[in-house]
Each structure stands twice: as structure tokens, then as C-alpha cells.
Full PDB file with SEQRES, HELIX, SHEET, SSBOND, CRYST1, ORIGX, SCALE, CONECT and MASTER records, all heavy atoms in Angstrom:
SEQRES   1 A   39  CYS CYS ARG SER THR PRO LEU GLN LYS SER MET VAL VAL          
SEQRES   2 A   39  LYS LEU VAL ARG ARG GLN LEU LYS VAL MET THR LEU SER          
SEQRES   3 A   39  ILE GLY ASP GLY ALA ASN ASP VAL SER MET ILE GLN ALA          
HELIX    1 AA1 PRO A    6  LEU A   20  1                                  15    
HELIX    2 AA2 ALA A   31  ASP A   33  5                                   3    
HELIX    3 AA3 VAL A   34  GLN A   38  1                                   5    
CRYST1    1.000    1.000    1.000  90.00  90.00  90.00 P 1           1          
ORIGX1      1.000000  0.000000  0.000000        0.00000                         
ORIGX2      0.000000  1.000000  0.000000        0.00000                         
ORIGX3      0.000000  0.000000  1.000000        0.00000                         
SCALE1      1.000000  0.000000  0.000000        0.00000                         
SCALE2      0.000000  1.000000  0.000000        0.00000                         
SCALE3      0.000000  0.000000  1.000000        0.00000                         
ATOM      1  N   CYS A   1       8.338 -13.247  50.418  1.00  0.00           N  
ATOM      2  CA  CYS A   1       9.197 -12.071  50.522  1.00  0.00           C  
ATOM      3  C   CYS A   1       8.421 -10.973  51.233  1.00  0.00           C  
ATOM      4  O   CYS A   1       7.388 -10.531  50.755  1.00  0.00           O  
ATOM      5  CB  CYS A   1       9.617 -11.585  49.144  1.00  0.00           C  
ATOM      6  SG  CYS A   1      10.582 -12.788  48.225  1.00  0.00           S  
ATOM      7  N   CYS A   2       8.929 -10.532  52.370  1.00  0.00           N  
ATOM      8  CA  CYS A   2       8.257  -9.469  53.119  1.00  0.00           C  
ATOM      9  C   CYS A   2       9.209  -8.299  53.293  1.00  0.00           C  
ATOM     10  O   CYS A   2      10.424  -8.475  53.311  1.00  0.00           O  
ATOM     11  CB  CYS A   2       7.763  -9.982  54.457  1.00  0.00           C  
ATOM     12  SG  CYS A   2       9.053 -10.584  55.539  1.00  0.00           S  
ATOM     13  N   ARG A   3       8.640  -7.115  53.425  1.00  0.00           N  
ATOM     14  CA  ARG A   3       9.410  -5.890  53.615  1.00  0.00           C  
ATOM     15  C   ARG A   3      10.497  -5.732  52.556  1.00  0.00           C  
ATOM     16  O   ARG A   3      11.645  -5.398  52.851  1.00  0.00           O  
ATOM     17  CB  ARG A   3      10.037  -5.843  55.008  1.00  0.00           C  
ATOM     18  CG  ARG A   3       9.061  -5.957  56.140  1.00  0.00           C  
ATOM     19  CD  ARG A   3       8.260  -4.693  56.266  1.00  0.00           C  
ATOM     20  NE  ARG A   3       7.296  -4.818  57.351  1.00  0.00           N  
ATOM     21  CZ  ARG A   3       6.061  -4.408  57.278  1.00  0.00           C  
ATOM     22  NH1 ARG A   3       5.623  -3.849  56.166  1.00  0.00           N  
ATOM     23  NH2 ARG A   3       5.248  -4.540  58.284  1.00  0.00           N  
ATOM     24  N   SER A   4      10.127  -6.022  51.309  1.00  0.00           N  
ATOM     25  CA  SER A   4      11.084  -5.878  50.213  1.00  0.00           C  
ATOM     26  C   SER A   4      10.524  -4.922  49.167  1.00  0.00           C  
ATOM     27  O   SER A   4       9.323  -4.676  49.106  1.00  0.00           O  
ATOM     28  CB  SER A   4      11.397  -7.239  49.587  1.00  0.00           C  
ATOM     29  OG  SER A   4      10.224  -7.868  49.150  1.00  0.00           O  
ATOM     30  N   THR A   5      11.407  -4.409  48.336  1.00  0.00           N  
ATOM     31  CA  THR A   5      10.990  -3.449  47.316  1.00  0.00           C  
ATOM     32  C   THR A   5      10.332  -4.193  46.150  1.00  0.00           C  
ATOM     33  O   THR A   5      10.552  -5.393  45.968  1.00  0.00           O  
ATOM     34  CB  THR A   5      12.199  -2.656  46.793  1.00  0.00           C  
ATOM     35  OG1 THR A   5      13.078  -3.556  46.109  1.00  0.00           O  
ATOM     36  CG2 THR A   5      12.921  -1.959  47.931  1.00  0.00           C  
ATOM     37  N   PRO A   6       9.531  -3.483  45.336  1.00  0.00           N  
ATOM     38  CA  PRO A   6       8.923  -4.123  44.171  1.00  0.00           C  
ATOM     39  C   PRO A   6       9.950  -4.725  43.219  1.00  0.00           C  
ATOM     40  O   PRO A   6       9.735  -5.802  42.660  1.00  0.00           O  
ATOM     41  CB  PRO A   6       8.151  -2.987  43.503  1.00  0.00           C  
ATOM     42  CG  PRO A   6       7.845  -2.033  44.602  1.00  0.00           C  
ATOM     43  CD  PRO A   6       9.010  -2.128  45.531  1.00  0.00           C  
ATOM     44  N   LEU A   7      11.078  -4.055  43.054  1.00  0.00           N  
ATOM     45  CA  LEU A   7      12.125  -4.576  42.172  1.00  0.00           C  
ATOM     46  C   LEU A   7      12.699  -5.884  42.711  1.00  0.00           C  
ATOM     47  O   LEU A   7      12.947  -6.821  41.949  1.00  0.00           O  
ATOM     48  CB  LEU A   7      13.229  -3.524  42.007  1.00  0.00           C  
ATOM     49  CG  LEU A   7      14.383  -3.921  41.099  1.00  0.00           C  
ATOM     50  CD1 LEU A   7      13.886  -4.144  39.674  1.00  0.00           C  
ATOM     51  CD2 LEU A   7      15.473  -2.874  41.138  1.00  0.00           C  
ATOM     52  N   GLN A   8      12.909  -5.957  44.018  1.00  0.00           N  
ATOM     53  CA  GLN A   8      13.439  -7.182  44.614  1.00  0.00           C  
ATOM     54  C   GLN A   8      12.464  -8.344  44.433  1.00  0.00           C  
ATOM     55  O   GLN A   8      12.876  -9.463  44.135  1.00  0.00           O  
ATOM     56  CB  GLN A   8      13.713  -6.972  46.107  1.00  0.00           C  
ATOM     57  CG  GLN A   8      14.894  -6.094  46.407  1.00  0.00           C  
ATOM     58  CD  GLN A   8      15.027  -5.800  47.882  1.00  0.00           C  
ATOM     59  OE1 GLN A   8      14.044  -5.756  48.615  1.00  0.00           O  
ATOM     60  NE2 GLN A   8      16.262  -5.573  48.326  1.00  0.00           N  
ATOM     61  N   LYS A   9      11.179  -8.086  44.607  1.00  0.00           N  
ATOM     62  CA  LYS A   9      10.182  -9.141  44.437  1.00  0.00           C  
ATOM     63  C   LYS A   9      10.183  -9.680  43.013  1.00  0.00           C  
ATOM     64  O   LYS A   9      10.171 -10.892  42.803  1.00  0.00           O  
ATOM     65  CB  LYS A   9       8.788  -8.614  44.782  1.00  0.00           C  
ATOM     66  CG  LYS A   9       8.591  -8.256  46.236  1.00  0.00           C  
ATOM     67  CD  LYS A   9       7.220  -7.652  46.444  1.00  0.00           C  
ATOM     68  CE  LYS A   9       7.023  -7.146  47.847  1.00  0.00           C  
ATOM     69  NZ  LYS A   9       5.701  -6.540  48.033  1.00  0.00           N  
ATOM     70  N   SER A  10      10.221  -8.785  42.048  1.00  0.00           N  
ATOM     71  CA  SER A  10      10.226  -9.254  40.659  1.00  0.00           C  
ATOM     72  C   SER A  10      11.540  -9.942  40.306  1.00  0.00           C  
ATOM     73  O   SER A  10      11.557 -10.893  39.524  1.00  0.00           O  
ATOM     74  CB  SER A  10       9.947  -8.101  39.696  1.00  0.00           C  
ATOM     75  OG  SER A  10      11.006  -7.184  39.686  1.00  0.00           O  
ATOM     76  N   MET A  11      12.643  -9.505  40.899  1.00  0.00           N  
ATOM     77  CA  MET A  11      13.927 -10.164  40.642  1.00  0.00           C  
ATOM     78  C   MET A  11      13.937 -11.591  41.178  1.00  0.00           C  
ATOM     79  O   MET A  11      14.503 -12.493  40.551  1.00  0.00           O  
ATOM     80  CB  MET A  11      15.073  -9.345  41.251  1.00  0.00           C  
ATOM     81  CG  MET A  11      15.394  -8.090  40.480  1.00  0.00           C  
ATOM     82  SD  MET A  11      16.607  -7.026  41.282  1.00  0.00           S  
ATOM     83  CE  MET A  11      18.040  -8.060  41.375  1.00  0.00           C  
ATOM     84  N   VAL A  12      13.317 -11.811  42.330  1.00  0.00           N  
ATOM     85  CA  VAL A  12      13.229 -13.165  42.888  1.00  0.00           C  
ATOM     86  C   VAL A  12      12.422 -14.065  41.953  1.00  0.00           C  
ATOM     87  O   VAL A  12      12.821 -15.191  41.633  1.00  0.00           O  
ATOM     88  CB  VAL A  12      12.612 -13.140  44.302  1.00  0.00           C  
ATOM     89  CG1 VAL A  12      12.253 -14.539  44.760  1.00  0.00           C  
ATOM     90  CG2 VAL A  12      13.565 -12.501  45.278  1.00  0.00           C  
ATOM     91  N   VAL A  13      11.283 -13.564  41.485  1.00  0.00           N  
ATOM     92  CA  VAL A  13      10.441 -14.357  40.589  1.00  0.00           C  
ATOM     93  C   VAL A  13      11.179 -14.665  39.291  1.00  0.00           C  
ATOM     94  O   VAL A  13      11.187 -15.807  38.817  1.00  0.00           O  
ATOM     95  CB  VAL A  13       9.109 -13.625  40.308  1.00  0.00           C  
ATOM     96  CG1 VAL A  13       8.324 -14.333  39.229  1.00  0.00           C  
ATOM     97  CG2 VAL A  13       8.292 -13.517  41.576  1.00  0.00           C  
ATOM     98  N   LYS A  14      11.827 -13.664  38.712  1.00  0.00           N  
ATOM     99  CA  LYS A  14      12.567 -13.868  37.459  1.00  0.00           C  
ATOM    100  C   LYS A  14      13.725 -14.840  37.644  1.00  0.00           C  
ATOM    101  O   LYS A  14      13.997 -15.675  36.788  1.00  0.00           O  
ATOM    102  CB  LYS A  14      13.078 -12.537  36.923  1.00  0.00           C  
ATOM    103  CG  LYS A  14      11.997 -11.654  36.362  1.00  0.00           C  
ATOM    104  CD  LYS A  14      12.563 -10.313  35.939  1.00  0.00           C  
ATOM    105  CE  LYS A  14      11.464  -9.374  35.494  1.00  0.00           C  
ATOM    106  NZ  LYS A  14      11.957  -8.022  35.206  1.00  0.00           N  
ATOM    107  N   LEU A  15      14.415 -14.735  38.772  1.00  0.00           N  
ATOM    108  CA  LEU A  15      15.544 -15.625  39.058  1.00  0.00           C  
ATOM    109  C   LEU A  15      15.083 -17.071  39.160  1.00  0.00           C  
ATOM    110  O   LEU A  15      15.666 -17.966  38.538  1.00  0.00           O  
ATOM    111  CB  LEU A  15      16.236 -15.181  40.353  1.00  0.00           C  
ATOM    112  CG  LEU A  15      17.411 -16.034  40.829  1.00  0.00           C  
ATOM    113  CD1 LEU A  15      18.596 -15.852  39.897  1.00  0.00           C  
ATOM    114  CD2 LEU A  15      17.777 -15.671  42.251  1.00  0.00           C  
ATOM    115  N   VAL A  16      14.042 -17.294  39.926  1.00  0.00           N  
ATOM    116  CA  VAL A  16      13.532 -18.662  40.103  1.00  0.00           C  
ATOM    117  C   VAL A  16      13.009 -19.209  38.777  1.00  0.00           C  
ATOM    118  O   VAL A  16      13.274 -20.353  38.412  1.00  0.00           O  
ATOM    119  CB  VAL A  16      12.434 -18.688  41.195  1.00  0.00           C  
ATOM    120  CG1 VAL A  16      11.710 -20.007  41.212  1.00  0.00           C  
ATOM    121  CG2 VAL A  16      13.037 -18.396  42.554  1.00  0.00           C  
ATOM    122  N   ARG A  17      12.286 -18.388  38.051  1.00  0.00           N  
ATOM    123  CA  ARG A  17      11.710 -18.824  36.771  1.00  0.00           C  
ATOM    124  C   ARG A  17      12.790 -19.131  35.734  1.00  0.00           C  
ATOM    125  O   ARG A  17      12.713 -20.115  35.011  1.00  0.00           O  
ATOM    126  CB  ARG A  17      10.807 -17.703  36.274  1.00  0.00           C  
ATOM    127  CG  ARG A  17       9.800 -18.132  35.304  1.00  0.00           C  
ATOM    128  CD  ARG A  17       8.864 -16.991  34.994  1.00  0.00           C  
ATOM    129  NE  ARG A  17       8.434 -17.182  33.642  1.00  0.00           N  
ATOM    130  CZ  ARG A  17       7.897 -16.282  32.895  1.00  0.00           C  
ATOM    131  NH1 ARG A  17       7.713 -15.076  33.354  1.00  0.00           N  
ATOM    132  NH2 ARG A  17       7.545 -16.559  31.672  1.00  0.00           N  
ATOM    133  N   ARG A  18      13.814 -18.285  35.667  1.00  0.00           N  
ATOM    134  CA  ARG A  18      14.867 -18.446  34.665  1.00  0.00           C  
ATOM    135  C   ARG A  18      15.825 -19.592  35.008  1.00  0.00           C  
ATOM    136  O   ARG A  18      16.141 -20.420  34.160  1.00  0.00           O  
ATOM    137  CB  ARG A  18      15.637 -17.130  34.527  1.00  0.00           C  
ATOM    138  CG  ARG A  18      16.687 -17.146  33.439  1.00  0.00           C  
ATOM    139  CD  ARG A  18      17.443 -15.825  33.363  1.00  0.00           C  
ATOM    140  NE  ARG A  18      18.175 -15.566  34.599  1.00  0.00           N  
ATOM    141  CZ  ARG A  18      17.977 -14.518  35.370  1.00  0.00           C  
ATOM    142  NH1 ARG A  18      17.074 -13.625  35.070  1.00  0.00           N  
ATOM    143  NH2 ARG A  18      18.692 -14.351  36.475  1.00  0.00           N  
ATOM    144  N   GLN A  19      16.265 -19.662  36.240  1.00  0.00           N  
ATOM    145  CA  GLN A  19      17.281 -20.639  36.609  1.00  0.00           C  
ATOM    146  C   GLN A  19      16.712 -22.035  36.863  1.00  0.00           C  
ATOM    147  O   GLN A  19      17.301 -23.019  36.442  1.00  0.00           O  
ATOM    148  CB  GLN A  19      18.033 -20.158  37.861  1.00  0.00           C  
ATOM    149  CG  GLN A  19      18.815 -18.894  37.661  1.00  0.00           C  
ATOM    150  CD  GLN A  19      19.989 -19.071  36.711  1.00  0.00           C  
ATOM    151  OE1 GLN A  19      20.559 -20.139  36.598  1.00  0.00           O  
ATOM    152  NE2 GLN A  19      20.330 -18.008  36.009  1.00  0.00           N  
ATOM    153  N   LEU A  20      15.585 -22.109  37.554  1.00  0.00           N  
ATOM    154  CA  LEU A  20      15.023 -23.417  37.903  1.00  0.00           C  
ATOM    155  C   LEU A  20      14.059 -23.952  36.852  1.00  0.00           C  
ATOM    156  O   LEU A  20      13.669 -25.114  36.909  1.00  0.00           O  
ATOM    157  CB  LEU A  20      14.313 -23.342  39.259  1.00  0.00           C  
ATOM    158  CG  LEU A  20      15.178 -22.947  40.449  1.00  0.00           C  
ATOM    159  CD1 LEU A  20      14.340 -22.919  41.720  1.00  0.00           C  
ATOM    160  CD2 LEU A  20      16.363 -23.882  40.600  1.00  0.00           C  
ATOM    161  N   LYS A  21      13.636 -23.070  35.927  1.00  0.00           N  
ATOM    162  CA  LYS A  21      12.704 -23.449  34.863  1.00  0.00           C  
ATOM    163  C   LYS A  21      11.444 -24.112  35.427  1.00  0.00           C  
ATOM    164  O   LYS A  21      11.057 -25.197  35.041  1.00  0.00           O  
ATOM    165  CB  LYS A  21      13.390 -24.345  33.848  1.00  0.00           C  
ATOM    166  CG  LYS A  21      14.489 -23.629  33.092  1.00  0.00           C  
ATOM    167  CD  LYS A  21      15.172 -24.504  32.103  1.00  0.00           C  
ATOM    168  CE  LYS A  21      16.244 -23.825  31.322  1.00  0.00           C  
ATOM    169  NZ  LYS A  21      17.076 -22.857  31.937  1.00  0.00           N  
ATOM    170  N   VAL A  22      10.834 -23.428  36.401  1.00  0.00           N  
ATOM    171  CA  VAL A  22       9.599 -23.888  37.023  1.00  0.00           C  
ATOM    172  C   VAL A  22       8.515 -22.849  36.781  1.00  0.00           C  
ATOM    173  O   VAL A  22       8.798 -21.707  36.406  1.00  0.00           O  
ATOM    174  CB  VAL A  22       9.768 -24.123  38.541  1.00  0.00           C  
ATOM    175  CG1 VAL A  22      10.729 -25.252  38.811  1.00  0.00           C  
ATOM    176  CG2 VAL A  22      10.225 -22.864  39.235  1.00  0.00           C  
ATOM    177  N   MET A  23       7.275 -23.258  36.988  1.00  0.00           N  
ATOM    178  CA  MET A  23       6.163 -22.331  36.861  1.00  0.00           C  
ATOM    179  C   MET A  23       6.030 -21.553  38.159  1.00  0.00           C  
ATOM    180  O   MET A  23       6.073 -22.124  39.247  1.00  0.00           O  
ATOM    181  CB  MET A  23       4.869 -23.082  36.560  1.00  0.00           C  
ATOM    182  CG  MET A  23       3.702 -22.166  36.292  1.00  0.00           C  
ATOM    183  SD  MET A  23       2.265 -23.028  35.706  1.00  0.00           S  
ATOM    184  CE  MET A  23       2.738 -23.313  34.028  1.00  0.00           C  
ATOM    185  N   THR A  24       5.859 -20.245  38.030  1.00  0.00           N  
ATOM    186  CA  THR A  24       5.778 -19.394  39.211  1.00  0.00           C  
ATOM    187  C   THR A  24       4.391 -18.774  39.334  1.00  0.00           C  
ATOM    188  O   THR A  24       3.729 -18.486  38.344  1.00  0.00           O  
ATOM    189  CB  THR A  24       6.833 -18.272  39.140  1.00  0.00           C  
ATOM    190  OG1 THR A  24       6.665 -17.553  37.920  1.00  0.00           O  
ATOM    191  CG2 THR A  24       8.232 -18.833  39.208  1.00  0.00           C  
ATOM    192  N   LEU A  25       3.983 -18.575  40.571  1.00  0.00           N  
ATOM    193  CA  LEU A  25       2.709 -17.947  40.910  1.00  0.00           C  
ATOM    194  C   LEU A  25       3.006 -16.839  41.896  1.00  0.00           C  
ATOM    195  O   LEU A  25       3.672 -17.069  42.903  1.00  0.00           O  
ATOM    196  CB  LEU A  25       1.757 -18.965  41.541  1.00  0.00           C  
ATOM    197  CG  LEU A  25       0.489 -18.392  42.138  1.00  0.00           C  
ATOM    198  CD1 LEU A  25      -0.605 -18.411  41.087  1.00  0.00           C  
ATOM    199  CD2 LEU A  25       0.061 -19.185  43.338  1.00  0.00           C  
ATOM    200  N   SER A  26       2.536 -15.639  41.580  1.00  0.00           N  
ATOM    201  CA  SER A  26       2.731 -14.508  42.481  1.00  0.00           C  
ATOM    202  C   SER A  26       1.385 -13.972  42.925  1.00  0.00           C  
ATOM    203  O   SER A  26       0.462 -13.863  42.129  1.00  0.00           O  
ATOM    204  CB  SER A  26       3.508 -13.392  41.783  1.00  0.00           C  
ATOM    205  OG  SER A  26       4.824 -13.797  41.528  1.00  0.00           O  
ATOM    206  N   ILE A  27       1.312 -13.614  44.199  1.00  0.00           N  
ATOM    207  CA  ILE A  27       0.084 -13.094  44.784  1.00  0.00           C  
ATOM    208  C   ILE A  27       0.408 -11.746  45.411  1.00  0.00           C  
ATOM    209  O   ILE A  27       1.369 -11.630  46.174  1.00  0.00           O  
ATOM    210  CB  ILE A  27      -0.465 -14.048  45.861  1.00  0.00           C  
ATOM    211  CG1 ILE A  27      -0.661 -15.442  45.283  1.00  0.00           C  
ATOM    212  CG2 ILE A  27      -1.756 -13.515  46.429  1.00  0.00           C  
ATOM    213  CD1 ILE A  27      -0.897 -16.497  46.332  1.00  0.00           C  
ATOM    214  N   GLY A  28      -0.390 -10.753  45.069  1.00  0.00           N  
ATOM    215  CA  GLY A  28      -0.166  -9.441  45.645  1.00  0.00           C  
ATOM    216  C   GLY A  28      -1.459  -8.683  45.837  1.00  0.00           C  
ATOM    217  O   GLY A  28      -2.478  -9.013  45.244  1.00  0.00           O  
ATOM    218  N   ASP A  29      -1.386  -7.624  46.676  1.00  0.00           N  
ATOM    219  CA  ASP A  29      -2.602  -6.876  46.972  1.00  0.00           C  
ATOM    220  C   ASP A  29      -2.461  -5.379  46.767  1.00  0.00           C  
ATOM    221  O   ASP A  29      -3.390  -4.630  47.021  1.00  0.00           O  
ATOM    222  CB  ASP A  29      -3.055  -7.148  48.405  1.00  0.00           C  
ATOM    223  CG  ASP A  29      -2.066  -6.647  49.433  1.00  0.00           C  
ATOM    224  OD1 ASP A  29      -0.928  -6.326  49.071  1.00  0.00           O  
ATOM    225  OD2 ASP A  29      -2.452  -6.572  50.614  1.00  0.00           O  
ATOM    226  N   GLY A  30      -1.319  -4.913  46.293  1.00  0.00           N  
ATOM    227  CA  GLY A  30      -1.141  -3.473  46.145  1.00  0.00           C  
ATOM    228  C   GLY A  30      -0.287  -3.112  44.955  1.00  0.00           C  
ATOM    229  O   GLY A  30       0.198  -3.972  44.206  1.00  0.00           O  
ATOM    230  N   ALA A  31      -0.069  -1.823  44.786  1.00  0.00           N  
ATOM    231  CA  ALA A  31       0.711  -1.323  43.659  1.00  0.00           C  
ATOM    232  C   ALA A  31       2.163  -1.781  43.720  1.00  0.00           C  
ATOM    233  O   ALA A  31       2.811  -1.938  42.682  1.00  0.00           O  
ATOM    234  CB  ALA A  31       0.640   0.199  43.624  1.00  0.00           C  
ATOM    235  N   ASN A  32       2.683  -2.021  44.918  1.00  0.00           N  
ATOM    236  CA  ASN A  32       4.064  -2.467  45.048  1.00  0.00           C  
ATOM    237  C   ASN A  32       4.270  -3.911  44.602  1.00  0.00           C  
ATOM    238  O   ASN A  32       5.396  -4.368  44.483  1.00  0.00           O  
ATOM    239  CB  ASN A  32       4.558  -2.284  46.486  1.00  0.00           C  
ATOM    240  CG  ASN A  32       3.702  -3.055  47.479  1.00  0.00           C  
ATOM    241  OD1 ASN A  32       2.578  -3.455  47.176  1.00  0.00           O  
ATOM    242  ND2 ASN A  32       4.238  -3.256  48.664  1.00  0.00           N  
ATOM    243  N   ASP A  33       3.189  -4.644  44.346  1.00  0.00           N  
ATOM    244  CA  ASP A  33       3.291  -6.034  43.904  1.00  0.00           C  
ATOM    245  C   ASP A  33       3.089  -6.207  42.397  1.00  0.00           C  
ATOM    246  O   ASP A  33       3.162  -7.328  41.897  1.00  0.00           O  
ATOM    247  CB  ASP A  33       2.254  -6.888  44.642  1.00  0.00           C  
ATOM    248  CG  ASP A  33       2.478  -6.901  46.141  1.00  0.00           C  
ATOM    249  OD1 ASP A  33       3.652  -6.917  46.555  1.00  0.00           O  
ATOM    250  OD2 ASP A  33       1.492  -6.892  46.881  1.00  0.00           O  
ATOM    251  N   VAL A  34       2.846  -5.134  41.669  1.00  0.00           N  
ATOM    252  CA  VAL A  34       2.521  -5.225  40.252  1.00  0.00           C  
ATOM    253  C   VAL A  34       3.664  -5.835  39.445  1.00  0.00           C  
ATOM    254  O   VAL A  34       3.455  -6.722  38.624  1.00  0.00           O  
ATOM    255  CB  VAL A  34       2.120  -3.841  39.685  1.00  0.00           C  
ATOM    256  CG1 VAL A  34       2.036  -3.862  38.183  1.00  0.00           C  
ATOM    257  CG2 VAL A  34       0.791  -3.415  40.277  1.00  0.00           C  
ATOM    258  N   SER A  35       4.890  -5.397  39.676  1.00  0.00           N  
ATOM    259  CA  SER A  35       6.018  -5.935  38.901  1.00  0.00           C  
ATOM    260  C   SER A  35       6.236  -7.416  39.180  1.00  0.00           C  
ATOM    261  O   SER A  35       6.578  -8.181  38.280  1.00  0.00           O  
ATOM    262  CB  SER A  35       7.292  -5.148  39.190  1.00  0.00           C  
ATOM    263  OG  SER A  35       7.611  -5.201  40.561  1.00  0.00           O  
ATOM    264  N   MET A  36       6.015  -7.837  40.410  1.00  0.00           N  
ATOM    265  CA  MET A  36       6.151  -9.257  40.765  1.00  0.00           C  
ATOM    266  C   MET A  36       5.054 -10.071  40.081  1.00  0.00           C  
ATOM    267  O   MET A  36       5.309 -11.154  39.552  1.00  0.00           O  
ATOM    268  CB  MET A  36       6.067  -9.418  42.279  1.00  0.00           C  
ATOM    269  CG  MET A  36       6.032 -10.844  42.762  1.00  0.00           C  
ATOM    270  SD  MET A  36       5.783 -10.985  44.535  1.00  0.00           S  
ATOM    271  CE  MET A  36       4.135 -10.348  44.744  1.00  0.00           C  
ATOM    272  N   ILE A  37       3.827  -9.561  40.069  1.00  0.00           N  
ATOM    273  CA  ILE A  37       2.699 -10.266  39.440  1.00  0.00           C  
ATOM    274  C   ILE A  37       2.931 -10.405  37.944  1.00  0.00           C  
ATOM    275  O   ILE A  37       2.677 -11.458  37.353  1.00  0.00           O  
ATOM    276  CB  ILE A  37       1.379  -9.521  39.746  1.00  0.00           C  
ATOM    277  CG1 ILE A  37       1.005  -9.713  41.211  1.00  0.00           C  
ATOM    278  CG2 ILE A  37       0.260  -9.981  38.843  1.00  0.00           C  
ATOM    279  CD1 ILE A  37      -0.164  -8.863  41.676  1.00  0.00           C  
ATOM    280  N   GLN A  38       3.453  -9.364  37.328  1.00  0.00           N  
ATOM    281  CA  GLN A  38       3.691  -9.409  35.884  1.00  0.00           C  
ATOM    282  C   GLN A  38       4.883 -10.279  35.518  1.00  0.00           C  
ATOM    283  O   GLN A  38       4.944 -10.811  34.420  1.00  0.00           O  
ATOM    284  CB  GLN A  38       3.876  -7.999  35.343  1.00  0.00           C  
ATOM    285  CG  GLN A  38       2.602  -7.198  35.368  1.00  0.00           C  
ATOM    286  CD  GLN A  38       2.785  -5.766  34.911  1.00  0.00           C  
ATOM    287  OE1 GLN A  38       3.887  -5.226  34.953  1.00  0.00           O  
ATOM    288  NE2 GLN A  38       1.687  -5.154  34.485  1.00  0.00           N  
ATOM    289  N   ALA A  39       5.831 -10.457  36.422  1.00  0.00           N  
ATOM    290  CA  ALA A  39       7.000 -11.287  36.140  1.00  0.00           C  
ATOM    291  C   ALA A  39       6.700 -12.772  36.250  1.00  0.00           C  
ATOM    292  O   ALA A  39       7.398 -13.593  35.661  1.00  0.00           O  
ATOM    293  CB  ALA A  39       8.140 -10.923  37.090  1.00  0.00           C  
TER     294      ALA A  39                                                      
MASTER        0    0    0    3    0    0    0    6  293    1    0    3          
END                                                                             
């Protein structure tokens, strides 16, 4: 996911994790990636 908001990134991770029931890995380098990393 590029050029997206922090909320959108975390929503993608939550959606994939909840619906597909798979293990997710998030990689980030800044404050805008914190919600995605925690999700």
C-alpha cells in the first residue's frame, strides 16, 4: 500500500486478518505506519 493514510493501511491489515484468517506481517519506517504495525 503506497500513498495511503495510516487508517487505510490498518484497515487493509485488519480486513485481511479477519476475513482470510491468515497471519499478517507489516513493515513500516515512520509514524504513519504505527497503526498498521500494531494491527
